[in-house]
N, C-alpha and C. Protein backbone atom coordinates (compact mmCIF):
# COMPACT_ATOMS: atom_id res chain seq x y z
N MET A 1 16.70 13.24 7.33
CA MET A 1 15.82 12.73 8.37
C MET A 1 16.64 11.87 9.33
N SER A 2 16.48 12.05 10.61
CA SER A 2 17.35 11.42 11.58
C SER A 2 17.06 9.95 11.78
N HIS A 3 15.89 9.53 11.38
CA HIS A 3 15.52 8.13 11.64
C HIS A 3 15.23 7.36 10.36
N ARG A 4 15.94 7.68 9.30
CA ARG A 4 15.78 6.89 8.08
C ARG A 4 16.50 5.56 8.25
N MET A 5 15.94 4.55 7.73
CA MET A 5 16.62 3.26 7.83
C MET A 5 16.31 2.40 6.63
N HIS A 6 17.24 1.57 6.27
CA HIS A 6 17.06 0.66 5.14
C HIS A 6 16.44 -0.64 5.63
N VAL A 7 15.38 -1.07 4.97
CA VAL A 7 14.73 -2.34 5.34
C VAL A 7 15.59 -3.48 4.82
N ALA A 8 16.16 -4.26 5.71
CA ALA A 8 17.10 -5.31 5.33
C ALA A 8 16.37 -6.48 4.71
N VAL A 9 17.11 -7.23 3.90
CA VAL A 9 16.59 -8.48 3.35
C VAL A 9 16.53 -9.49 4.49
N VAL A 10 15.34 -9.98 4.76
CA VAL A 10 15.15 -10.88 5.90
C VAL A 10 14.53 -12.17 5.40
N ILE A 11 15.09 -13.29 5.78
CA ILE A 11 14.54 -14.58 5.39
C ILE A 11 13.57 -15.04 6.45
N GLY A 12 12.33 -15.23 6.01
CA GLY A 12 11.30 -15.71 6.94
C GLY A 12 10.65 -14.57 7.67
N ALA A 13 9.58 -14.87 8.35
CA ALA A 13 8.80 -13.87 9.06
C ALA A 13 9.06 -13.88 10.55
N MET A 14 10.05 -14.68 11.02
CA MET A 14 10.28 -14.78 12.46
C MET A 14 10.71 -13.45 13.06
N LEU A 15 11.46 -12.67 12.28
CA LEU A 15 11.96 -11.41 12.80
C LEU A 15 10.87 -10.38 13.01
N TRP A 16 9.76 -10.55 12.27
CA TRP A 16 8.70 -9.51 12.30
C TRP A 16 8.14 -9.26 13.68
N SER A 17 7.89 -10.31 14.44
CA SER A 17 7.26 -10.10 15.74
C SER A 17 8.15 -9.30 16.67
N SER A 18 9.47 -9.48 16.56
CA SER A 18 10.38 -8.76 17.44
C SER A 18 10.61 -7.34 16.97
N VAL A 19 10.65 -7.15 15.63
CA VAL A 19 10.91 -5.81 15.11
C VAL A 19 9.64 -4.98 15.10
N GLY A 20 8.55 -5.61 14.66
CA GLY A 20 7.33 -4.84 14.43
C GLY A 20 6.53 -4.59 15.67
N PHE A 21 6.49 -5.54 16.61
CA PHE A 21 5.58 -5.41 17.72
C PHE A 21 6.29 -5.30 19.07
N GLY A 22 7.46 -5.87 19.16
CA GLY A 22 8.09 -5.90 20.47
C GLY A 22 8.96 -4.71 20.77
N GLN A 23 10.01 -4.52 19.96
CA GLN A 23 11.00 -3.50 20.26
C GLN A 23 10.49 -2.12 19.91
N ARG A 24 10.54 -1.22 20.86
CA ARG A 24 10.11 0.15 20.62
C ARG A 24 11.29 1.00 20.20
N GLN A 25 11.03 1.98 19.35
CA GLN A 25 12.05 2.89 18.89
C GLN A 25 11.62 4.31 19.22
N PRO A 26 12.56 5.27 19.17
CA PRO A 26 12.20 6.65 19.48
C PRO A 26 11.10 7.15 18.55
N THR A 27 10.32 8.09 19.05
CA THR A 27 9.22 8.63 18.28
C THR A 27 9.72 9.21 16.97
N LEU A 28 9.02 8.90 15.90
CA LEU A 28 9.43 9.35 14.58
C LEU A 28 8.90 10.74 14.29
N PRO A 29 9.66 11.56 13.58
CA PRO A 29 9.14 12.86 13.17
C PRO A 29 8.09 12.68 12.10
N ALA A 30 7.24 13.66 11.94
CA ALA A 30 6.23 13.60 10.89
C ALA A 30 6.93 13.62 9.54
N ALA A 31 6.55 12.72 8.65
CA ALA A 31 7.18 12.64 7.34
C ALA A 31 6.56 13.67 6.41
N SER A 32 7.39 14.31 5.61
CA SER A 32 6.89 15.28 4.65
C SER A 32 6.58 14.58 3.34
N SER A 33 5.69 15.15 2.57
CA SER A 33 5.32 14.56 1.29
C SER A 33 6.40 14.85 0.27
N ALA A 34 6.89 13.79 -0.39
CA ALA A 34 7.96 13.96 -1.36
C ALA A 34 7.70 13.10 -2.59
N ARG A 35 6.47 12.99 -2.99
CA ARG A 35 6.14 12.10 -4.09
C ARG A 35 6.63 12.68 -5.42
N SER A 36 7.27 11.83 -6.20
CA SER A 36 7.63 12.20 -7.56
C SER A 36 6.59 11.60 -8.50
N PRO A 37 6.13 12.35 -9.51
CA PRO A 37 5.16 11.77 -10.43
C PRO A 37 5.76 10.70 -11.33
N LEU A 38 7.08 10.63 -11.38
CA LEU A 38 7.74 9.65 -12.23
C LEU A 38 8.59 8.71 -11.40
N PRO A 39 8.70 7.45 -11.82
CA PRO A 39 9.57 6.53 -11.09
C PRO A 39 11.03 6.90 -11.26
N ALA A 40 11.82 6.54 -10.28
CA ALA A 40 13.25 6.78 -10.36
C ALA A 40 13.86 5.83 -11.39
N VAL A 41 15.04 6.19 -11.87
CA VAL A 41 15.75 5.31 -12.79
C VAL A 41 16.23 4.08 -12.01
N GLY A 42 16.05 2.93 -12.59
CA GLY A 42 16.49 1.72 -11.91
C GLY A 42 15.33 0.98 -11.28
N PRO A 43 15.55 -0.28 -10.92
CA PRO A 43 14.46 -1.15 -10.48
C PRO A 43 13.97 -0.88 -9.07
N TYR A 44 12.75 -1.29 -8.84
CA TYR A 44 12.14 -1.34 -7.50
C TYR A 44 11.94 -2.82 -7.19
N ARG A 45 12.88 -3.41 -6.50
CA ARG A 45 12.78 -4.84 -6.23
C ARG A 45 13.09 -5.20 -4.78
N ASP A 46 13.27 -4.21 -3.92
CA ASP A 46 13.65 -4.50 -2.54
C ASP A 46 12.49 -5.16 -1.79
N PRO A 47 12.78 -6.18 -0.99
CA PRO A 47 11.73 -6.76 -0.14
C PRO A 47 11.30 -5.78 0.93
N ASP A 48 10.12 -5.97 1.46
CA ASP A 48 9.59 -5.04 2.46
C ASP A 48 8.63 -5.79 3.38
N LEU A 49 9.07 -6.05 4.59
CA LEU A 49 8.23 -6.77 5.55
C LEU A 49 7.00 -5.97 5.97
N ALA A 50 7.04 -4.66 5.76
CA ALA A 50 5.90 -3.83 6.14
C ALA A 50 4.78 -3.86 5.11
N ALA A 51 5.00 -4.51 3.98
CA ALA A 51 4.01 -4.51 2.90
C ALA A 51 3.16 -5.75 2.96
N ARG A 52 2.33 -5.85 4.00
CA ARG A 52 1.39 -6.96 4.11
C ARG A 52 0.32 -6.62 5.14
N PRO A 53 -0.86 -7.15 4.96
CA PRO A 53 -1.93 -6.88 5.94
C PRO A 53 -1.57 -7.46 7.31
N MET A 54 -2.06 -6.81 8.34
CA MET A 54 -1.83 -7.33 9.69
C MET A 54 -2.72 -8.53 9.99
N ARG A 55 -3.89 -8.56 9.35
CA ARG A 55 -4.83 -9.66 9.51
C ARG A 55 -5.53 -9.88 8.19
N SER A 56 -5.98 -11.09 7.99
CA SER A 56 -6.81 -11.34 6.81
C SER A 56 -8.21 -10.80 7.07
N ALA A 57 -8.82 -10.29 6.03
CA ALA A 57 -10.17 -9.74 6.16
C ALA A 57 -10.95 -10.02 4.89
N ASN A 58 -12.22 -10.25 5.04
CA ASN A 58 -13.10 -10.55 3.92
C ASN A 58 -14.06 -9.38 3.74
N ALA A 59 -13.93 -8.69 2.62
CA ALA A 59 -14.74 -7.50 2.38
C ALA A 59 -16.23 -7.81 2.37
N LEU A 60 -16.59 -9.06 2.07
CA LEU A 60 -18.00 -9.43 1.98
C LEU A 60 -18.60 -9.83 3.32
N ASP A 61 -17.75 -9.99 4.32
CA ASP A 61 -18.23 -10.43 5.64
C ASP A 61 -18.33 -9.23 6.57
N THR A 62 -19.50 -8.60 6.61
CA THR A 62 -19.69 -7.41 7.43
C THR A 62 -19.66 -7.73 8.92
N ARG A 63 -19.80 -9.00 9.27
CA ARG A 63 -19.74 -9.38 10.68
C ARG A 63 -18.37 -9.09 11.27
N GLN A 64 -17.35 -9.11 10.45
CA GLN A 64 -16.01 -8.87 10.94
C GLN A 64 -15.87 -7.46 11.51
N THR A 65 -16.58 -6.52 10.91
CA THR A 65 -16.52 -5.15 11.43
C THR A 65 -17.06 -5.10 12.86
N THR A 66 -18.15 -5.78 13.10
CA THR A 66 -18.73 -5.83 14.44
C THR A 66 -17.80 -6.55 15.40
N GLN A 67 -17.21 -7.63 14.94
CA GLN A 67 -16.30 -8.39 15.79
C GLN A 67 -15.08 -7.56 16.18
N LEU A 68 -14.54 -6.81 15.24
CA LEU A 68 -13.40 -5.96 15.53
C LEU A 68 -13.80 -4.83 16.48
N GLY A 69 -15.01 -4.32 16.32
CA GLY A 69 -15.50 -3.29 17.24
C GLY A 69 -15.55 -3.80 18.66
N ALA A 70 -16.03 -5.03 18.83
CA ALA A 70 -16.08 -5.61 20.16
C ALA A 70 -14.68 -5.81 20.72
N GLU A 71 -13.76 -6.22 19.87
CA GLU A 71 -12.38 -6.41 20.31
C GLU A 71 -11.75 -5.08 20.73
N LEU A 72 -12.02 -4.04 19.96
CA LEU A 72 -11.45 -2.73 20.26
C LEU A 72 -12.08 -2.10 21.49
N ALA A 73 -13.29 -2.49 21.83
CA ALA A 73 -13.90 -2.00 23.05
C ALA A 73 -13.10 -2.43 24.27
N GLY A 74 -12.50 -3.62 24.17
CA GLY A 74 -11.69 -4.12 25.27
C GLY A 74 -10.24 -3.69 25.20
N THR A 75 -9.72 -3.57 23.97
CA THR A 75 -8.32 -3.17 23.76
C THR A 75 -8.26 -2.07 22.72
N PRO A 76 -8.58 -0.85 23.08
CA PRO A 76 -8.66 0.25 22.11
C PRO A 76 -7.33 0.63 21.47
N ASP A 77 -6.22 0.13 22.03
CA ASP A 77 -4.91 0.44 21.46
C ASP A 77 -4.39 -0.66 20.55
N ASN A 78 -5.27 -1.52 20.08
CA ASN A 78 -4.90 -2.63 19.21
C ASN A 78 -4.74 -2.11 17.77
N VAL A 79 -3.50 -1.91 17.36
CA VAL A 79 -3.22 -1.31 16.06
C VAL A 79 -3.69 -2.22 14.92
N ALA A 80 -3.46 -3.50 15.07
CA ALA A 80 -3.88 -4.43 14.01
C ALA A 80 -5.39 -4.42 13.82
N ALA A 81 -6.12 -4.39 14.92
CA ALA A 81 -7.58 -4.37 14.83
C ALA A 81 -8.08 -3.06 14.21
N LEU A 82 -7.45 -1.96 14.58
CA LEU A 82 -7.83 -0.66 14.02
C LEU A 82 -7.60 -0.63 12.51
N SER A 83 -6.43 -1.10 12.09
CA SER A 83 -6.11 -1.08 10.67
C SER A 83 -7.04 -2.00 9.88
N SER A 84 -7.33 -3.16 10.44
CA SER A 84 -8.22 -4.10 9.75
C SER A 84 -9.63 -3.55 9.66
N ARG A 85 -10.10 -2.94 10.75
CA ARG A 85 -11.45 -2.37 10.71
C ARG A 85 -11.53 -1.21 9.73
N ALA A 86 -10.45 -0.43 9.64
CA ALA A 86 -10.43 0.69 8.70
C ALA A 86 -10.65 0.19 7.27
N TRP A 87 -9.96 -0.91 6.93
CA TRP A 87 -10.10 -1.44 5.57
C TRP A 87 -11.53 -1.94 5.34
N LEU A 88 -12.09 -2.62 6.30
CA LEU A 88 -13.46 -3.11 6.15
C LEU A 88 -14.46 -1.95 6.06
N LEU A 89 -14.28 -0.95 6.88
CA LEU A 89 -15.17 0.22 6.83
C LEU A 89 -15.06 0.92 5.48
N ALA A 90 -13.85 0.98 4.94
CA ALA A 90 -13.67 1.61 3.64
C ALA A 90 -14.42 0.85 2.56
N GLN A 91 -14.40 -0.49 2.64
CA GLN A 91 -15.14 -1.29 1.67
C GLN A 91 -16.64 -1.01 1.74
N GLN A 92 -17.10 -0.58 2.90
CA GLN A 92 -18.51 -0.27 3.10
C GLN A 92 -18.83 1.20 2.83
N GLY A 93 -17.84 1.96 2.39
CA GLY A 93 -18.03 3.37 2.08
C GLY A 93 -18.04 4.29 3.28
N GLU A 94 -17.58 3.79 4.44
CA GLU A 94 -17.59 4.58 5.67
C GLU A 94 -16.28 5.37 5.77
N ARG A 95 -16.17 6.42 4.98
CA ARG A 95 -14.90 7.15 4.86
C ARG A 95 -14.45 7.74 6.20
N ALA A 96 -15.31 8.50 6.84
CA ALA A 96 -14.91 9.19 8.07
C ALA A 96 -14.46 8.20 9.15
N ARG A 97 -15.21 7.14 9.32
CA ARG A 97 -14.87 6.15 10.34
C ARG A 97 -13.58 5.41 9.98
N ALA A 98 -13.42 5.08 8.70
CA ALA A 98 -12.22 4.38 8.27
C ALA A 98 -10.98 5.23 8.51
N LEU A 99 -11.05 6.49 8.13
CA LEU A 99 -9.88 7.36 8.29
C LEU A 99 -9.62 7.67 9.76
N ALA A 100 -10.66 7.69 10.58
CA ALA A 100 -10.45 7.88 12.02
C ALA A 100 -9.68 6.71 12.61
N ASP A 101 -10.01 5.50 12.16
CA ASP A 101 -9.27 4.32 12.62
C ASP A 101 -7.82 4.37 12.17
N ILE A 102 -7.59 4.80 10.94
CA ILE A 102 -6.21 4.92 10.45
C ILE A 102 -5.43 5.95 11.26
N ASP A 103 -6.06 7.09 11.53
CA ASP A 103 -5.40 8.12 12.33
C ASP A 103 -5.02 7.58 13.71
N ALA A 104 -5.93 6.83 14.31
CA ALA A 104 -5.65 6.26 15.63
C ALA A 104 -4.51 5.25 15.56
N ALA A 105 -4.52 4.40 14.53
CA ALA A 105 -3.46 3.40 14.37
C ALA A 105 -2.11 4.06 14.13
N LEU A 106 -2.10 5.13 13.36
CA LEU A 106 -0.85 5.84 13.11
C LEU A 106 -0.31 6.49 14.38
N ALA A 107 -1.19 7.06 15.17
CA ALA A 107 -0.75 7.68 16.41
C ALA A 107 -0.20 6.64 17.38
N LEU A 108 -0.85 5.50 17.46
CA LEU A 108 -0.42 4.45 18.39
C LEU A 108 0.88 3.78 17.96
N SER A 109 1.17 3.80 16.67
CA SER A 109 2.37 3.13 16.16
C SER A 109 3.53 4.08 15.89
N ALA A 110 3.38 5.33 16.26
CA ALA A 110 4.34 6.36 15.85
C ALA A 110 5.76 6.08 16.30
N ASP A 111 5.95 5.36 17.40
CA ASP A 111 7.30 5.11 17.90
C ASP A 111 7.80 3.70 17.58
N ARG A 112 7.12 3.01 16.64
CA ARG A 112 7.55 1.67 16.21
C ARG A 112 7.62 1.69 14.69
N LEU A 113 8.81 1.85 14.19
CA LEU A 113 8.99 2.15 12.77
C LEU A 113 8.34 1.12 11.85
N MET A 114 8.64 -0.14 12.03
CA MET A 114 8.11 -1.16 11.12
C MET A 114 6.59 -1.21 11.20
N LEU A 115 6.06 -1.17 12.39
CA LEU A 115 4.60 -1.20 12.56
C LEU A 115 3.97 0.05 11.94
N HIS A 116 4.60 1.20 12.15
CA HIS A 116 4.09 2.45 11.59
C HIS A 116 4.05 2.38 10.06
N ARG A 117 5.11 1.84 9.49
CA ARG A 117 5.14 1.72 8.04
C ARG A 117 4.10 0.71 7.55
N GLN A 118 3.86 -0.32 8.32
CA GLN A 118 2.83 -1.28 7.93
C GLN A 118 1.45 -0.63 7.93
N VAL A 119 1.19 0.22 8.92
CA VAL A 119 -0.08 0.94 8.95
C VAL A 119 -0.19 1.86 7.73
N LEU A 120 0.89 2.57 7.41
CA LEU A 120 0.87 3.48 6.27
C LEU A 120 0.69 2.73 4.96
N TRP A 121 1.32 1.56 4.84
CA TRP A 121 1.13 0.76 3.63
C TRP A 121 -0.34 0.35 3.51
N GLY A 122 -0.90 -0.17 4.58
CA GLY A 122 -2.31 -0.56 4.54
C GLY A 122 -3.24 0.62 4.35
N ALA A 123 -2.85 1.78 4.88
CA ALA A 123 -3.69 2.97 4.73
C ALA A 123 -3.85 3.36 3.27
N GLY A 124 -2.81 3.11 2.47
CA GLY A 124 -2.94 3.38 1.04
C GLY A 124 -4.02 2.54 0.40
N TRP A 125 -4.13 1.28 0.82
CA TRP A 125 -5.17 0.42 0.27
C TRP A 125 -6.54 0.75 0.85
N VAL A 126 -6.57 1.28 2.04
CA VAL A 126 -7.83 1.81 2.58
C VAL A 126 -8.29 2.97 1.71
N ALA A 127 -7.37 3.85 1.36
CA ALA A 127 -7.72 4.98 0.51
C ALA A 127 -8.21 4.52 -0.86
N LEU A 128 -7.58 3.49 -1.43
CA LEU A 128 -8.05 2.98 -2.71
C LEU A 128 -9.45 2.40 -2.58
N ALA A 129 -9.74 1.75 -1.45
CA ALA A 129 -11.09 1.22 -1.23
C ALA A 129 -12.11 2.35 -1.19
N LEU A 130 -11.66 3.53 -0.79
CA LEU A 130 -12.53 4.70 -0.76
C LEU A 130 -12.57 5.42 -2.11
N GLY A 131 -11.83 4.90 -3.09
CA GLY A 131 -11.80 5.52 -4.40
C GLY A 131 -10.93 6.75 -4.49
N ASP A 132 -10.00 6.90 -3.56
CA ASP A 132 -9.19 8.12 -3.46
C ASP A 132 -7.72 7.79 -3.73
N GLY A 133 -7.35 7.81 -5.01
CA GLY A 133 -5.98 7.50 -5.37
C GLY A 133 -4.99 8.53 -4.88
N ALA A 134 -5.37 9.79 -4.84
CA ALA A 134 -4.46 10.83 -4.36
C ALA A 134 -4.12 10.61 -2.89
N LEU A 135 -5.11 10.25 -2.09
CA LEU A 135 -4.86 9.99 -0.68
C LEU A 135 -3.98 8.76 -0.50
N ALA A 136 -4.19 7.75 -1.33
CA ALA A 136 -3.33 6.56 -1.27
C ALA A 136 -1.88 6.95 -1.49
N ASN A 137 -1.63 7.77 -2.49
CA ASN A 137 -0.27 8.22 -2.75
C ASN A 137 0.29 9.01 -1.58
N ASP A 138 -0.53 9.80 -0.93
CA ASP A 138 -0.07 10.57 0.23
C ASP A 138 0.39 9.66 1.36
N TYR A 139 -0.40 8.63 1.64
CA TYR A 139 0.01 7.68 2.68
C TYR A 139 1.31 6.99 2.29
N TRP A 140 1.43 6.61 1.03
CA TRP A 140 2.66 5.93 0.60
C TRP A 140 3.85 6.87 0.57
N ASP A 141 3.61 8.16 0.33
CA ASP A 141 4.70 9.13 0.45
C ASP A 141 5.28 9.09 1.86
N ARG A 142 4.41 9.11 2.82
CA ARG A 142 4.85 9.11 4.23
C ARG A 142 5.58 7.82 4.57
N ASN A 143 5.12 6.72 4.02
CA ASN A 143 5.79 5.44 4.23
C ASN A 143 7.21 5.48 3.67
N LEU A 144 7.33 5.88 2.41
CA LEU A 144 8.61 5.81 1.72
C LEU A 144 9.61 6.85 2.23
N ALA A 145 9.11 7.90 2.85
CA ALA A 145 10.02 8.89 3.44
C ALA A 145 10.79 8.32 4.62
N LEU A 146 10.38 7.16 5.10
CA LEU A 146 11.01 6.55 6.27
C LEU A 146 12.03 5.47 5.92
N VAL A 147 12.26 5.23 4.64
CA VAL A 147 13.21 4.18 4.25
C VAL A 147 14.12 4.67 3.13
N ASP A 148 15.29 4.05 3.03
CA ASP A 148 16.23 4.30 1.94
C ASP A 148 16.28 3.07 1.03
N SER A 149 15.15 2.63 0.56
CA SER A 149 15.10 1.47 -0.31
C SER A 149 14.07 1.71 -1.40
N ARG A 150 14.00 0.78 -2.33
CA ARG A 150 13.02 0.83 -3.41
C ARG A 150 12.17 -0.43 -3.33
N PRO A 151 11.13 -0.40 -2.49
CA PRO A 151 10.31 -1.61 -2.29
C PRO A 151 9.62 -2.05 -3.58
N PHE A 152 9.47 -3.35 -3.70
CA PHE A 152 8.90 -3.97 -4.89
C PHE A 152 7.48 -3.50 -5.19
N TRP A 153 6.74 -3.11 -4.15
CA TRP A 153 5.32 -2.82 -4.32
C TRP A 153 5.05 -1.43 -4.87
N VAL A 154 6.05 -0.59 -4.92
CA VAL A 154 5.81 0.82 -5.26
C VAL A 154 5.29 1.01 -6.69
N PRO A 155 5.92 0.46 -7.73
CA PRO A 155 5.45 0.78 -9.08
C PRO A 155 4.00 0.39 -9.37
N TYR A 156 3.62 -0.84 -9.04
CA TYR A 156 2.24 -1.23 -9.37
C TYR A 156 1.23 -0.53 -8.47
N SER A 157 1.62 -0.24 -7.23
CA SER A 157 0.71 0.49 -6.33
C SER A 157 0.52 1.92 -6.81
N ARG A 158 1.61 2.57 -7.21
CA ARG A 158 1.51 3.92 -7.75
C ARG A 158 0.68 3.92 -9.03
N ALA A 159 0.91 2.94 -9.90
CA ALA A 159 0.14 2.87 -11.13
C ALA A 159 -1.35 2.79 -10.83
N THR A 160 -1.70 1.98 -9.85
CA THR A 160 -3.10 1.83 -9.47
C THR A 160 -3.66 3.14 -8.92
N ALA A 161 -2.89 3.77 -8.05
CA ALA A 161 -3.38 5.00 -7.41
C ALA A 161 -3.52 6.14 -8.41
N PHE A 162 -2.53 6.31 -9.28
CA PHE A 162 -2.62 7.40 -10.27
C PHE A 162 -3.75 7.14 -11.26
N ALA A 163 -3.94 5.89 -11.66
CA ALA A 163 -5.05 5.59 -12.56
C ALA A 163 -6.39 5.90 -11.88
N MET A 164 -6.51 5.55 -10.62
CA MET A 164 -7.74 5.82 -9.90
C MET A 164 -7.97 7.32 -9.74
N ALA A 165 -6.87 8.07 -9.62
CA ALA A 165 -6.97 9.53 -9.48
C ALA A 165 -7.22 10.23 -10.81
N GLY A 166 -7.24 9.47 -11.91
CA GLY A 166 -7.51 10.05 -13.23
C GLY A 166 -6.29 10.52 -13.98
N ASP A 167 -5.10 10.25 -13.46
CA ASP A 167 -3.85 10.65 -14.11
C ASP A 167 -3.28 9.42 -14.81
N LEU A 168 -3.85 9.08 -15.97
CA LEU A 168 -3.48 7.85 -16.64
C LEU A 168 -2.07 7.92 -17.21
N GLY A 169 -1.64 9.11 -17.61
CA GLY A 169 -0.29 9.25 -18.15
C GLY A 169 0.77 8.87 -17.13
N THR A 170 0.61 9.37 -15.91
CA THR A 170 1.56 9.03 -14.85
C THR A 170 1.42 7.57 -14.46
N ALA A 171 0.19 7.07 -14.46
CA ALA A 171 -0.04 5.66 -14.15
C ALA A 171 0.71 4.77 -15.12
N VAL A 172 0.72 5.13 -16.39
CA VAL A 172 1.42 4.33 -17.40
C VAL A 172 2.92 4.33 -17.14
N ASN A 173 3.47 5.47 -16.75
CA ASN A 173 4.90 5.53 -16.44
C ASN A 173 5.25 4.57 -15.31
N TRP A 174 4.42 4.54 -14.29
CA TRP A 174 4.67 3.63 -13.18
C TRP A 174 4.42 2.19 -13.58
N TYR A 175 3.41 1.94 -14.40
CA TYR A 175 3.17 0.57 -14.84
C TYR A 175 4.34 0.06 -15.67
N ALA A 176 4.89 0.93 -16.51
CA ALA A 176 6.05 0.53 -17.31
C ALA A 176 7.22 0.14 -16.43
N ARG A 177 7.38 0.83 -15.31
CA ARG A 177 8.44 0.48 -14.37
C ARG A 177 8.17 -0.89 -13.75
N ALA A 178 6.92 -1.14 -13.38
CA ALA A 178 6.54 -2.43 -12.82
C ALA A 178 6.79 -3.55 -13.82
N ALA A 179 6.42 -3.33 -15.07
CA ALA A 179 6.59 -4.35 -16.11
C ALA A 179 8.06 -4.62 -16.38
N ALA A 180 8.89 -3.59 -16.31
CA ALA A 180 10.32 -3.77 -16.53
C ALA A 180 10.97 -4.51 -15.37
N ASP A 181 10.52 -4.21 -14.15
CA ASP A 181 11.12 -4.81 -12.96
C ASP A 181 10.68 -6.26 -12.77
N MET A 182 9.41 -6.54 -13.05
CA MET A 182 8.86 -7.88 -12.85
C MET A 182 8.03 -8.27 -14.07
N PRO A 183 8.71 -8.58 -15.18
CA PRO A 183 7.98 -8.82 -16.44
C PRO A 183 7.04 -10.02 -16.39
N GLN A 184 7.38 -11.05 -15.64
CA GLN A 184 6.49 -12.20 -15.58
C GLN A 184 5.19 -11.88 -14.87
N ARG A 185 5.25 -10.92 -13.96
CA ARG A 185 4.06 -10.55 -13.19
C ARG A 185 3.26 -9.45 -13.86
N TRP A 186 3.94 -8.44 -14.39
CA TRP A 186 3.25 -7.26 -14.88
C TRP A 186 3.42 -7.03 -16.38
N GLY A 187 4.31 -7.78 -17.04
CA GLY A 187 4.58 -7.53 -18.45
C GLY A 187 3.63 -8.22 -19.41
N ASN A 188 2.61 -8.88 -18.89
CA ASN A 188 1.64 -9.55 -19.75
C ASN A 188 0.31 -9.61 -19.00
N GLU A 189 -0.76 -9.76 -19.75
CA GLU A 189 -2.09 -9.72 -19.14
C GLU A 189 -2.33 -10.91 -18.22
N ARG A 190 -1.84 -12.07 -18.61
CA ARG A 190 -2.06 -13.26 -17.79
C ARG A 190 -1.41 -13.10 -16.41
N GLY A 191 -0.18 -12.64 -16.40
CA GLY A 191 0.51 -12.44 -15.13
C GLY A 191 -0.17 -11.38 -14.28
N MET A 192 -0.57 -10.28 -14.91
CA MET A 192 -1.22 -9.20 -14.18
C MET A 192 -2.53 -9.67 -13.56
N ARG A 193 -3.31 -10.39 -14.31
CA ARG A 193 -4.61 -10.84 -13.78
C ARG A 193 -4.44 -11.90 -12.69
N GLN A 194 -3.43 -12.73 -12.84
CA GLN A 194 -3.18 -13.72 -11.81
C GLN A 194 -2.78 -13.05 -10.49
N TYR A 195 -1.92 -12.05 -10.57
CA TYR A 195 -1.44 -11.40 -9.36
C TYR A 195 -2.53 -10.57 -8.70
N THR A 196 -3.45 -10.04 -9.48
CA THR A 196 -4.48 -9.16 -8.93
C THR A 196 -5.82 -9.86 -8.73
N ARG A 197 -5.83 -11.18 -8.80
CA ARG A 197 -7.10 -11.90 -8.72
C ARG A 197 -7.81 -11.71 -7.38
N HIS A 198 -7.05 -11.40 -6.32
CA HIS A 198 -7.64 -11.23 -4.99
C HIS A 198 -7.95 -9.76 -4.70
N TRP A 199 -7.65 -8.85 -5.64
CA TRP A 199 -7.91 -7.44 -5.41
C TRP A 199 -9.41 -7.16 -5.45
N GLN A 200 -9.77 -6.02 -4.90
CA GLN A 200 -11.16 -5.59 -4.93
C GLN A 200 -11.50 -4.99 -6.29
N PRO A 201 -12.78 -4.96 -6.66
CA PRO A 201 -13.16 -4.52 -8.02
C PRO A 201 -12.62 -3.15 -8.41
N ALA A 202 -12.69 -2.17 -7.52
CA ALA A 202 -12.20 -0.82 -7.87
C ALA A 202 -10.71 -0.82 -8.13
N GLU A 203 -9.97 -1.61 -7.36
CA GLU A 203 -8.53 -1.71 -7.55
C GLU A 203 -8.20 -2.37 -8.89
N ARG A 204 -8.95 -3.41 -9.22
CA ARG A 204 -8.71 -4.11 -10.49
C ARG A 204 -9.06 -3.21 -11.67
N ARG A 205 -10.11 -2.43 -11.56
CA ARG A 205 -10.46 -1.52 -12.66
C ARG A 205 -9.34 -0.52 -12.90
N ALA A 206 -8.75 -0.03 -11.82
CA ALA A 206 -7.68 0.95 -11.95
C ALA A 206 -6.43 0.35 -12.59
N ILE A 207 -6.01 -0.82 -12.11
CA ILE A 207 -4.81 -1.44 -12.68
C ILE A 207 -5.07 -1.91 -14.10
N ASP A 208 -6.31 -2.33 -14.39
CA ASP A 208 -6.67 -2.71 -15.76
C ASP A 208 -6.52 -1.52 -16.71
N ALA A 209 -6.94 -0.34 -16.24
CA ALA A 209 -6.83 0.86 -17.07
C ALA A 209 -5.36 1.19 -17.34
N ALA A 210 -4.54 1.07 -16.30
CA ALA A 210 -3.11 1.33 -16.47
C ALA A 210 -2.49 0.32 -17.43
N PHE A 211 -2.85 -0.95 -17.27
CA PHE A 211 -2.31 -1.99 -18.14
C PHE A 211 -2.74 -1.77 -19.59
N ALA A 212 -4.01 -1.44 -19.81
CA ALA A 212 -4.51 -1.23 -21.17
C ALA A 212 -3.79 -0.08 -21.85
N ALA A 213 -3.60 1.02 -21.12
CA ALA A 213 -2.91 2.17 -21.69
C ALA A 213 -1.44 1.84 -21.97
N TRP A 214 -0.81 1.11 -21.06
CA TRP A 214 0.58 0.70 -21.27
C TRP A 214 0.69 -0.23 -22.47
N SER A 215 -0.25 -1.16 -22.61
CA SER A 215 -0.23 -2.09 -23.74
C SER A 215 -0.36 -1.36 -25.07
N GLN A 216 -1.24 -0.35 -25.11
CA GLN A 216 -1.40 0.45 -26.32
C GLN A 216 -0.10 1.19 -26.64
N GLN A 217 0.55 1.69 -25.62
CA GLN A 217 1.82 2.39 -25.80
C GLN A 217 2.87 1.44 -26.36
N GLN A 218 2.92 0.21 -25.81
CA GLN A 218 3.88 -0.78 -26.28
C GLN A 218 3.59 -1.14 -27.75
N ALA A 219 2.32 -1.32 -28.07
CA ALA A 219 1.96 -1.69 -29.44
C ALA A 219 2.32 -0.59 -30.42
N ALA A 220 2.09 0.65 -30.02
CA ALA A 220 2.43 1.77 -30.90
C ALA A 220 3.93 1.87 -31.12
N ALA A 221 4.70 1.58 -30.07
CA ALA A 221 6.15 1.66 -30.18
C ALA A 221 6.70 0.58 -31.12
N THR A 222 6.14 -0.60 -31.07
CA THR A 222 6.64 -1.69 -31.91
C THR A 222 6.20 -1.58 -33.36
N SER A 223 5.16 -0.79 -33.62
CA SER A 223 4.65 -0.66 -34.98
C SER A 223 5.37 0.43 -35.77
N ARG A 224 6.23 1.16 -35.10
CA ARG A 224 6.92 2.26 -35.80
C ARG A 224 8.02 1.72 -36.70
C-alpha cells in the first residue's frame, strides 16, 4: 500500500490538531479487509492517537442527537459531529441513520489519514452499539490496513467484537493476548471491570463473556 505509515510515539495531544485536522494528505486508497482470526505473535502495545472519541457523548442524553443535528444543518461537513451523532444514533438502535453518518464521515475524511483512522476506530464502537461484532471488525480491518504498528487497543477490542459476533473461541485468543500484553488491566477481573466501567452494557456483556471463557481456560491449564 502506497500510503502506509507508522503512528509515531507522541507525547501530549498538541500534535493532534495539526496532524488530524489541519494538514491534508493525498487521498487514500480503499483499504482491503485483511483480518486474521488470531493475534500475531508478540505484543500489541503501540500508542495510537486515533484511538479516542472526537467528542464526549452521553448515551442517556437524547438531546445531544438533536443538538448535533442542528449543528450539522449549518456545517454538514463536520466530521466530529457526524461521528458523534452516529454513536448516539446507534445507542438508540437507529442503524441506517448511524451508518449513513459514518459513511459521510469516512468520505469527508478520506484525504486526512489520522482523522480517517479516528473515524474508523469510532465506527467499530458504533457497530458494537448496534450489536454487530462482525461489522466492528470490518471497520477495524480498514483502520489497521493503514498503519504498520500494533496498537494497544486491538486485542481487547477484537475480543469484544468476536464475543459479540458469537465466536467465543476466537474472542478468547484475543483476550489472552490482551491479558499477556497488559496483565494489570486485563489479567484479572478487578482490572478488567475498572477499565470497562464506562463501557455500554452490550460491550460489557461481550467482554465479560470473553473474560469468563479465558478465566476457565486458565483454570483448566493450571489444574493439569
